[in-house]
Amino acid sequence: MTKSELIEKVVQTHGMLNMKVSEALVNTVFDSIEEALKTGDKVEIRGFGSFTIRERSGREARNPKSGEIVRIPAKKTPFFKTGKELKERVNC
């Protein structure tokens, strides 16, 4: 499902909302999750899952084409952990 399909689903599910309002609603949810992760907060949606930031340490790797050793810097990566209820609903 793409973002535009999600917006369309919100419009279909809640007939009182038009496309612009639904798009603003979906964007607000995504923007809120992004802002919380940027500040280092954990976002937990009960019954669905949680979003956190994981820190990956820097490392050395090898360029397969030239064989040259390349330094890969440390970085932060978003991580999603599925909630128990979502796992159960998907697997039934």
PDB file of N, CA and C in Angstrom:
ATOM      1  N   MET A   1       0.854  -1.176   0.000  1.00  0.00           N
ATOM      2  CA  MET A   1       0.000   0.000   0.000  1.00  0.00           C
ATOM      3  C   MET A   1       0.895   1.233   0.000  1.00  0.00           C
ATOM      4  N   THR A   2       0.622   2.151  -0.893  1.00  0.00           N
ATOM      5  CA  THR A   2       1.376   3.396  -0.957  1.00  0.00           C
ATOM      6  C   THR A   2       0.706   4.461  -0.095  1.00  0.00           C
ATOM      7  N   LYS A   3       1.391   5.569   0.063  1.00  0.00           N
ATOM      8  CA  LYS A   3       0.840   6.670   0.857  1.00  0.00           C
ATOM      9  C   LYS A   3      -0.457   7.180   0.234  1.00  0.00           C
ATOM     10  N   SER A   4      -0.494   7.317  -1.083  1.00  0.00           N
ATOM     11  CA  SER A   4      -1.707   7.809  -1.747  1.00  0.00           C
ATOM     12  C   SER A   4      -2.856   6.809  -1.605  1.00  0.00           C
ATOM     13  N   GLU A   5      -2.551   5.507  -1.609  1.00  0.00           N
ATOM     14  CA  GLU A   5      -3.593   4.505  -1.388  1.00  0.00           C
ATOM     15  C   GLU A   5      -4.111   4.567   0.045  1.00  0.00           C
ATOM     16  N   LEU A   6      -3.229   4.849   0.990  1.00  0.00           N
ATOM     17  CA  LEU A   6      -3.641   5.009   2.380  1.00  0.00           C
ATOM     18  C   LEU A   6      -4.572   6.206   2.530  1.00  0.00           C
ATOM     19  N   ILE A   7      -4.227   7.304   1.883  1.00  0.00           N
ATOM     20  CA  ILE A   7      -5.074   8.506   1.933  1.00  0.00           C
ATOM     21  C   ILE A   7      -6.449   8.202   1.340  1.00  0.00           C
ATOM     22  N   GLU A   8      -6.471   7.502   0.215  1.00  0.00           N
ATOM     23  CA  GLU A   8      -7.737   7.126  -0.423  1.00  0.00           C
ATOM     24  C   GLU A   8      -8.564   6.228   0.486  1.00  0.00           C
ATOM     25  N   LYS A   9      -7.910   5.326   1.214  1.00  0.00           N
ATOM     26  CA  LYS A   9      -8.609   4.433   2.141  1.00  0.00           C
ATOM     27  C   LYS A   9      -9.250   5.232   3.276  1.00  0.00           C
ATOM     28  N   VAL A  10      -8.546   6.269   3.769  1.00  0.00           N
ATOM     29  CA  VAL A  10      -9.106   7.132   4.816  1.00  0.00           C
ATOM     30  C   VAL A  10     -10.348   7.837   4.292  1.00  0.00           C
ATOM     31  N   VAL A  11     -10.296   8.318   3.049  1.00  0.00           N
ATOM     32  CA  VAL A  11     -11.452   8.990   2.439  1.00  0.00           C
ATOM     33  C   VAL A  11     -12.630   8.013   2.336  1.00  0.00           C
ATOM     34  N   GLN A  12     -12.373   6.794   1.883  1.00  0.00           N
ATOM     35  CA  GLN A  12     -13.432   5.790   1.723  1.00  0.00           C
ATOM     36  C   GLN A  12     -14.025   5.366   3.064  1.00  0.00           C
ATOM     37  N   THR A  13     -13.160   5.211   4.069  1.00  0.00           N
ATOM     38  CA  THR A  13     -13.617   4.745   5.376  1.00  0.00           C
ATOM     39  C   THR A  13     -14.424   5.806   6.111  1.00  0.00           C
ATOM     40  N   HIS A  14     -13.995   7.055   5.990  1.00  0.00           N
ATOM     41  CA  HIS A  14     -14.665   8.170   6.674  1.00  0.00           C
ATOM     42  C   HIS A  14     -15.190   9.127   5.616  1.00  0.00           C
ATOM     43  N   GLY A  15     -16.408   8.897   5.161  1.00  0.00           N
ATOM     44  CA  GLY A  15     -17.012   9.664   4.077  1.00  0.00           C
ATOM     45  C   GLY A  15     -17.089  11.154   4.336  1.00  0.00           C
ATOM     46  N   MET A  16     -17.024  11.561   5.596  1.00  0.00           N
ATOM     47  CA  MET A  16     -17.127  12.986   5.909  1.00  0.00           C
ATOM     48  C   MET A  16     -15.812  13.731   5.645  1.00  0.00           C
ATOM     49  N   LEU A  17     -14.719  12.997   5.412  1.00  0.00           N
ATOM     50  CA  LEU A  17     -13.429  13.628   5.147  1.00  0.00           C
ATOM     51  C   LEU A  17     -13.165  13.653   3.641  1.00  0.00           C
ATOM     52  N   ASN A  18     -12.735  14.812   3.150  1.00  0.00           N
ATOM     53  CA  ASN A  18     -12.371  14.875   1.745  1.00  0.00           C
ATOM     54  C   ASN A  18     -10.895  14.527   1.559  1.00  0.00           C
ATOM     55  N   MET A  19     -10.434  14.530   0.312  1.00  0.00           N
ATOM     56  CA  MET A  19      -9.081  14.116  -0.011  1.00  0.00           C
ATOM     57  C   MET A  19      -8.030  15.009   0.652  1.00  0.00           C
ATOM     58  N   LYS A  20      -8.235  16.317   0.662  1.00  0.00           N
ATOM     59  CA  LYS A  20      -7.245  17.237   1.248  1.00  0.00           C
ATOM     60  C   LYS A  20      -7.131  17.055   2.757  1.00  0.00           C
ATOM     61  N   VAL A  21      -8.246  16.893   3.421  1.00  0.00           N
ATOM     62  CA  VAL A  21      -8.237  16.701   4.872  1.00  0.00           C
ATOM     63  C   VAL A  21      -7.577  15.362   5.212  1.00  0.00           C
ATOM     64  N   SER A  22      -7.899  14.335   4.455  1.00  0.00           N
ATOM     65  CA  SER A  22      -7.302  13.019   4.686  1.00  0.00           C
ATOM     66  C   SER A  22      -5.800  13.043   4.455  1.00  0.00           C
ATOM     67  N   GLU A  23      -5.365  13.742   3.409  1.00  0.00           N
ATOM     68  CA  GLU A  23      -3.930  13.856   3.128  1.00  0.00           C
ATOM     69  C   GLU A  23      -3.219  14.592   4.265  1.00  0.00           C
ATOM     70  N   ALA A  24      -3.835  15.666   4.764  1.00  0.00           N
ATOM     71  CA  ALA A  24      -3.254  16.416   5.876  1.00  0.00           C
ATOM     72  C   ALA A  24      -3.171  15.541   7.128  1.00  0.00           C
ATOM     73  N   LEU A  25      -4.177  14.727   7.356  1.00  0.00           N
ATOM     74  CA  LEU A  25      -4.199  13.826   8.513  1.00  0.00           C
ATOM     75  C   LEU A  25      -3.068  12.802   8.433  1.00  0.00           C
ATOM     76  N   VAL A  26      -2.923  12.145   7.291  1.00  0.00           N
ATOM     77  CA  VAL A  26      -1.872  11.140   7.113  1.00  0.00           C
ATOM     78  C   VAL A  26      -0.495  11.792   7.215  1.00  0.00           C
ATOM     79  N   ASN A  27      -0.319  12.952   6.593  1.00  0.00           N
ATOM     80  CA  ASN A  27       0.965  13.659   6.664  1.00  0.00           C
ATOM     81  C   ASN A  27       1.308  14.060   8.089  1.00  0.00           C
ATOM     82  N   THR A  28       0.320  14.466   8.862  1.00  0.00           N
ATOM     83  CA  THR A  28       0.544  14.854  10.252  1.00  0.00           C
ATOM     84  C   THR A  28       1.031  13.661  11.083  1.00  0.00           C
ATOM     85  N   VAL A  29       0.430  12.498  10.857  1.00  0.00           N
ATOM     86  CA  VAL A  29       0.852  11.293  11.579  1.00  0.00           C
ATOM     87  C   VAL A  29       2.304  10.963  11.237  1.00  0.00           C
ATOM     88  N   PHE A  30       2.622  10.927   9.943  1.00  0.00           N
ATOM     89  CA  PHE A  30       3.990  10.595   9.527  1.00  0.00           C
ATOM     90  C   PHE A  30       4.995  11.639  10.001  1.00  0.00           C
ATOM     91  N   ASP A  31       4.648  12.907   9.894  1.00  0.00           N
ATOM     92  CA  ASP A  31       5.540  13.980  10.336  1.00  0.00           C
ATOM     93  C   ASP A  31       5.780  13.913  11.843  1.00  0.00           C
ATOM     94  N   SER A  32       4.742  13.571  12.599  1.00  0.00           N
ATOM     95  CA  SER A  32       4.875  13.458  14.052  1.00  0.00           C
ATOM     96  C   SER A  32       5.809  12.320  14.436  1.00  0.00           C
ATOM     97  N   ILE A  33       5.688  11.193  13.739  1.00  0.00           N
ATOM     98  CA  ILE A  33       6.588  10.063  13.999  1.00  0.00           C
ATOM     99  C   ILE A  33       8.020  10.463  13.660  1.00  0.00           C
ATOM    100  N   GLU A  34       8.210  11.121  12.529  1.00  0.00           N
ATOM    101  CA  GLU A  34       9.546  11.561  12.104  1.00  0.00           C
ATOM    102  C   GLU A  34      10.173  12.524  13.100  1.00  0.00           C
ATOM    103  N   GLU A  35       9.408  13.503  13.565  1.00  0.00           N
ATOM    104  CA  GLU A  35       9.931  14.478  14.523  1.00  0.00           C
ATOM    105  C   GLU A  35      10.313  13.814  15.846  1.00  0.00           C
ATOM    106  N   ALA A  36       9.481  12.883  16.306  1.00  0.00           N
ATOM    107  CA  ALA A  36       9.785  12.189  17.558  1.00  0.00           C
ATOM    108  C   ALA A  36      11.082  11.388  17.428  1.00  0.00           C
ATOM    109  N   LEU A  37      11.261  10.720  16.303  1.00  0.00           N
ATOM    110  CA  LEU A  37      12.484   9.932  16.101  1.00  0.00           C
ATOM    111  C   LEU A  37      13.711  10.834  15.988  1.00  0.00           C
ATOM    112  N   LYS A  38      13.555  11.993  15.364  1.00  0.00           N
ATOM    113  CA  LYS A  38      14.677  12.930  15.238  1.00  0.00           C
ATOM    114  C   LYS A  38      15.168  13.399  16.597  1.00  0.00           C
ATOM    115  N   THR A  39      14.252  13.539  17.551  1.00  0.00           N
ATOM    116  CA  THR A  39      14.635  14.003  18.884  1.00  0.00           C
ATOM    117  C   THR A  39      15.032  12.849  19.806  1.00  0.00           C
ATOM    118  N   GLY A  40      15.014  11.617  19.271  1.00  0.00           N
ATOM    119  CA  GLY A  40      15.442  10.474  20.058  1.00  0.00           C
ATOM    120  C   GLY A  40      14.346   9.793  20.849  1.00  0.00           C
ATOM    121  N   ASP A  41      13.105  10.207  20.638  1.00  0.00           N
ATOM    122  CA  ASP A  41      11.986   9.592  21.351  1.00  0.00           C
ATOM    123  C   ASP A  41      11.564   8.291  20.682  1.00  0.00           C
ATOM    124  N   LYS A  42      10.919   7.445  21.459  1.00  0.00           N
ATOM    125  CA  LYS A  42      10.351   6.197  20.947  1.00  0.00           C
ATOM    126  C   LYS A  42       8.877   6.457  20.656  1.00  0.00           C
ATOM    127  N   VAL A  43       8.382   5.944  19.543  1.00  0.00           N
ATOM    128  CA  VAL A  43       6.972   6.083  19.195  1.00  0.00           C
ATOM    129  C   VAL A  43       6.334   4.704  19.315  1.00  0.00           C
ATOM    130  N   GLU A  44       5.382   4.588  20.233  1.00  0.00           N
ATOM    131  CA  GLU A  44       4.726   3.305  20.454  1.00  0.00           C
ATOM    132  C   GLU A  44       3.243   3.423  20.166  1.00  0.00           C
ATOM    133  N   ILE A  45       2.759   2.587  19.263  1.00  0.00           N
ATOM    134  CA  ILE A  45       1.343   2.543  18.927  1.00  0.00           C
ATOM    135  C   ILE A  45       0.832   1.186  19.413  1.00  0.00           C
ATOM    136  N   ARG A  46       0.108   1.202  20.504  1.00  0.00           N
ATOM    137  CA  ARG A  46      -0.344  -0.035  21.152  1.00  0.00           C
ATOM    138  C   ARG A  46      -1.122  -0.901  20.163  1.00  0.00           C
ATOM    139  N   GLY A  47      -0.798  -2.171  20.142  1.00  0.00           N
ATOM    140  CA  GLY A  47      -1.460  -3.120  19.263  1.00  0.00           C
ATOM    141  C   GLY A  47      -0.907  -3.124  17.846  1.00  0.00           C
ATOM    142  N   PHE A  48      -0.013  -2.204  17.526  1.00  0.00           N
ATOM    143  CA  PHE A  48       0.557  -2.111  16.179  1.00  0.00           C
ATOM    144  C   PHE A  48       2.058  -2.353  16.191  1.00  0.00           C
ATOM    145  N   GLY A  49       2.786  -1.521  16.943  1.00  0.00           N
ATOM    146  CA  GLY A  49       4.229  -1.677  17.024  1.00  0.00           C
ATOM    147  C   GLY A  49       4.892  -0.421  17.532  1.00  0.00           C
ATOM    148  N   SER A  50       6.228  -0.414  17.495  1.00  0.00           N
ATOM    149  CA  SER A  50       6.961   0.750  17.986  1.00  0.00           C
ATOM    150  C   SER A  50       8.099   1.101  17.032  1.00  0.00           C
ATOM    151  N   PHE A  51       8.349   2.391  16.935  1.00  0.00           N
ATOM    152  CA  PHE A  51       9.426   2.929  16.120  1.00  0.00           C
ATOM    153  C   PHE A  51      10.515   3.444  17.054  1.00  0.00           C
ATOM    154  N   THR A  52      11.754   3.074  16.785  1.00  0.00           N
ATOM    155  CA  THR A  52      12.888   3.564  17.560  1.00  0.00           C
ATOM    156  C   THR A  52      14.033   3.878  16.599  1.00  0.00           C
ATOM    157  N   ILE A  53      15.070   4.475  17.151  1.00  0.00           N
ATOM    158  CA  ILE A  53      16.283   4.746  16.381  1.00  0.00           C
ATOM    159  C   ILE A  53      17.365   3.793  16.886  1.00  0.00           C
ATOM    160  N   ARG A  54      18.044   3.149  15.955  1.00  0.00           N
ATOM    161  CA  ARG A  54      19.178   2.298  16.302  1.00  0.00           C
ATOM    162  C   ARG A  54      20.444   2.957  15.776  1.00  0.00           C
ATOM    163  N   GLU A  55      21.482   2.904  16.575  1.00  0.00           N
ATOM    164  CA  GLU A  55      22.761   3.486  16.182  1.00  0.00           C
ATOM    165  C   GLU A  55      23.636   2.381  15.612  1.00  0.00           C
ATOM    166  N   ARG A  56      24.134   2.605  14.414  1.00  0.00           N
ATOM    167  CA  ARG A  56      25.055   1.657  13.790  1.00  0.00           C
ATOM    168  C   ARG A  56      26.452   2.242  13.890  1.00  0.00           C
ATOM    169  N   SER A  57      27.368   1.464  14.386  1.00  0.00           N
ATOM    170  CA  SER A  57      28.734   1.957  14.551  1.00  0.00           C
ATOM    171  C   SER A  57      29.447   1.990  13.204  1.00  0.00           C
ATOM    172  N   GLY A  58      30.467   2.833  13.137  1.00  0.00           N
ATOM    173  CA  GLY A  58      31.278   2.916  11.930  1.00  0.00           C
ATOM    174  C   GLY A  58      32.067   1.632  11.745  1.00  0.00           C
ATOM    175  N   ARG A  59      32.437   1.352  10.513  1.00  0.00           N
ATOM    176  CA  ARG A  59      33.181   0.132  10.240  1.00  0.00           C
ATOM    177  C   ARG A  59      33.995   0.290   8.968  1.00  0.00           C
ATOM    178  N   GLU A  60      34.851  -0.662   8.755  1.00  0.00           N
ATOM    179  CA  GLU A  60      35.619  -0.690   7.526  1.00  0.00           C
ATOM    180  C   GLU A  60      35.052  -1.778   6.625  1.00  0.00           C
ATOM    181  N   ALA A  61      34.990  -1.485   5.335  1.00  0.00           N
ATOM    182  CA  ALA A  61      34.501  -2.448   4.360  1.00  0.00           C
ATOM    183  C   ALA A  61      35.438  -2.427   3.154  1.00  0.00           C
ATOM    184  N   ARG A  62      35.245  -3.362   2.288  1.00  0.00           N
ATOM    185  CA  ARG A  62      36.104  -3.443   1.116  1.00  0.00           C
ATOM    186  C   ARG A  62      35.276  -3.230  -0.144  1.00  0.00           C
ATOM    187  N   ASN A  63      35.758  -2.358  -1.019  1.00  0.00           N
ATOM    188  CA  ASN A  63      35.143  -2.151  -2.320  1.00  0.00           C
ATOM    189  C   ASN A  63      35.398  -3.413  -3.139  1.00  0.00           C
ATOM    190  N   PRO A  64      34.338  -4.132  -3.546  1.00  0.00           N
ATOM    191  CA  PRO A  64      34.550  -5.401  -4.240  1.00  0.00           C
ATOM    192  C   PRO A  64      35.211  -5.244  -5.617  1.00  0.00           C
ATOM    193  N   LYS A  65      35.025  -4.106  -6.229  1.00  0.00           N
ATOM    194  CA  LYS A  65      35.580  -3.893  -7.569  1.00  0.00           C
ATOM    195  C   LYS A  65      37.089  -3.609  -7.524  1.00  0.00           C
ATOM    196  N   SER A  66      37.488  -2.729  -6.615  1.00  0.00           N
ATOM    197  CA  SER A  66      38.900  -2.328  -6.572  1.00  0.00           C
ATOM    198  C   SER A  66      39.692  -3.006  -5.447  1.00  0.00           C
ATOM    199  N   GLY A  67      38.978  -3.572  -4.470  1.00  0.00           N
ATOM    200  CA  GLY A  67      39.654  -4.180  -3.338  1.00  0.00           C
ATOM    201  C   GLY A  67      40.107  -3.167  -2.299  1.00  0.00           C
ATOM    202  N   GLU A  68      39.840  -1.904  -2.540  1.00  0.00           N
ATOM    203  CA  GLU A  68      40.245  -0.816  -1.643  1.00  0.00           C
ATOM    204  C   GLU A  68      39.416  -0.846  -0.355  1.00  0.00           C
ATOM    205  N   ILE A  69      40.055  -0.583   0.775  1.00  0.00           N
ATOM    206  CA  ILE A  69      39.353  -0.514   2.057  1.00  0.00           C
ATOM    207  C   ILE A  69      38.689   0.855   2.178  1.00  0.00           C
ATOM    208  N   VAL A  70      37.405   0.834   2.512  1.00  0.00           N
ATOM    209  CA  VAL A  70      36.603   2.050   2.609  1.00  0.00           C
ATOM    210  C   VAL A  70      36.061   2.170   4.019  1.00  0.00           C
ATOM    211  N   ARG A  71      36.065   3.363   4.567  1.00  0.00           N
ATOM    212  CA  ARG A  71      35.534   3.628   5.915  1.00  0.00           C
ATOM    213  C   ARG A  71      34.056   4.014   5.792  1.00  0.00           C
ATOM    214  N   ILE A  72      33.192   3.282   6.477  1.00  0.00           N
ATOM    215  CA  ILE A  72      31.769   3.585   6.509  1.00  0.00           C
ATOM    216  C   ILE A  72      31.487   4.248   7.854  1.00  0.00           C
ATOM    217  N   PRO A  73      30.977   5.496   7.843  1.00  0.00           N
ATOM    218  CA  PRO A  73      30.769   6.216   9.098  1.00  0.00           C
ATOM    219  C   PRO A  73      29.590   5.669   9.908  1.00  0.00           C
ATOM    220  N   ALA A  74      29.570   5.983  11.185  1.00  0.00           N
ATOM    221  CA  ALA A  74      28.450   5.622  12.060  1.00  0.00           C
ATOM    222  C   ALA A  74      27.208   6.371  11.599  1.00  0.00           C
ATOM    223  N   LYS A  75      26.039   5.753  11.830  1.00  0.00           N
ATOM    224  CA  LYS A  75      24.795   6.421  11.442  1.00  0.00           C
ATOM    225  C   LYS A  75      23.645   5.931  12.304  1.00  0.00           C
ATOM    226  N   LYS A  76      22.572   6.699  12.268  1.00  0.00           N
ATOM    227  CA  LYS A  76      21.344   6.341  12.976  1.00  0.00           C
ATOM    228  C   LYS A  76      20.353   5.797  11.950  1.00  0.00           C
ATOM    229  N   THR A  77      19.644   4.718  12.327  1.00  0.00           N
ATOM    230  CA  THR A  77      18.709   4.079  11.424  1.00  0.00           C
ATOM    231  C   THR A  77      17.372   3.879  12.130  1.00  0.00           C
ATOM    232  N   PRO A  78      16.259   4.238  11.479  1.00  0.00           N
ATOM    233  CA  PRO A  78      14.958   3.967  12.083  1.00  0.00           C
ATOM    234  C   PRO A  78      14.692   2.460  12.106  1.00  0.00           C
ATOM    235  N   PHE A  79      14.038   1.999  13.161  1.00  0.00           N
ATOM    236  CA  PHE A  79      13.738   0.586  13.325  1.00  0.00           C
ATOM    237  C   PHE A  79      12.298   0.437  13.786  1.00  0.00           C
ATOM    238  N   PHE A  80      11.577  -0.523  13.195  1.00  0.00           N
ATOM    239  CA  PHE A  80      10.198  -0.794  13.584  1.00  0.00           C
ATOM    240  C   PHE A  80      10.103  -2.192  14.156  1.00  0.00           C
ATOM    241  N   LYS A  81       9.515  -2.297  15.338  1.00  0.00           N
ATOM    242  CA  LYS A  81       9.285  -3.599  15.963  1.00  0.00           C
ATOM    243  C   LYS A  81       7.777  -3.841  15.997  1.00  0.00           C
ATOM    244  N   THR A  82       7.366  -4.938  15.405  1.00  0.00           N
ATOM    245  CA  THR A  82       5.951  -5.274  15.314  1.00  0.00           C
ATOM    246  C   THR A  82       5.391  -5.625  16.688  1.00  0.00           C
ATOM    247  N   GLY A  83       4.191  -5.135  16.957  1.00  0.00           N
ATOM    248  CA  GLY A  83       3.519  -5.457  18.212  1.00  0.00           C
ATOM    249  C   GLY A  83       2.910  -6.852  18.179  1.00  0.00           C
ATOM    250  N   LYS A  84       2.700  -7.413  19.336  1.00  0.00           N
ATOM    251  CA  LYS A  84       2.172  -8.772  19.469  1.00  0.00           C
ATOM    252  C   LYS A  84       0.811  -8.927  18.785  1.00  0.00           C
ATOM    253  N   GLU A  85      -0.086  -7.963  18.991  1.00  0.00           N
ATOM    254  CA  GLU A  85      -1.426  -8.053  18.410  1.00  0.00           C
ATOM    255  C   GLU A  85      -1.387  -8.018  16.893  1.00  0.00           C
ATOM    256  N   LEU A  86      -0.532  -7.181  16.312  1.00  0.00           N
ATOM    257  CA  LEU A  86      -0.411  -7.111  14.851  1.00  0.00           C
ATOM    258  C   LEU A  86       0.124  -8.432  14.307  1.00  0.00           C
ATOM    259  N   LYS A  87       1.116  -9.007  14.976  1.00  0.00           N
ATOM    260  CA  LYS A  87       1.653 -10.305  14.545  1.00  0.00           C
ATOM    261  C   LYS A  87       0.553 -11.360  14.530  1.00  0.00           C
ATOM    262  N   GLU A  88      -0.241 -11.357  15.575  1.00  0.00           N
ATOM    263  CA  GLU A  88      -1.337 -12.357  15.673  1.00  0.00           C
ATOM    264  C   GLU A  88      -2.373 -12.145  14.592  1.00  0.00           C
ATOM    265  N   ARG A  89      -2.725 -10.895  14.290  1.00  0.00           N
ATOM    266  CA  ARG A  89      -3.724 -10.617  13.261  1.00  0.00           C
ATOM    267  C   ARG A  89      -3.233 -10.979  11.868  1.00  0.00           C
ATOM    268  N   VAL A  90      -1.944 -10.795  11.612  1.00  0.00           N
ATOM    269  CA  VAL A  90      -1.371 -11.104  10.309  1.00  0.00           C
ATOM    270  C   VAL A  90      -1.255 -12.616  10.102  1.00  0.00           C
ATOM    271  N   ASN A  91      -0.963 -13.346  11.168  1.00  0.00           N
ATOM    272  CA  ASN A  91      -0.714 -14.773  11.070  1.00  0.00           C
ATOM    273  C   ASN A  91      -1.932 -15.665  11.281  1.00  0.00           C
ATOM    274  N   CYS A  92      -3.130 -15.114  11.283  1.00  0.00           N
ATOM    275  CA  CYS A  92      -4.289 -16.003  11.480  1.00  0.00           C
ATOM    276  C   CYS A  92      -4.959 -16.345  10.182  1.00  0.00           C
TER     277      CYS A  92
END
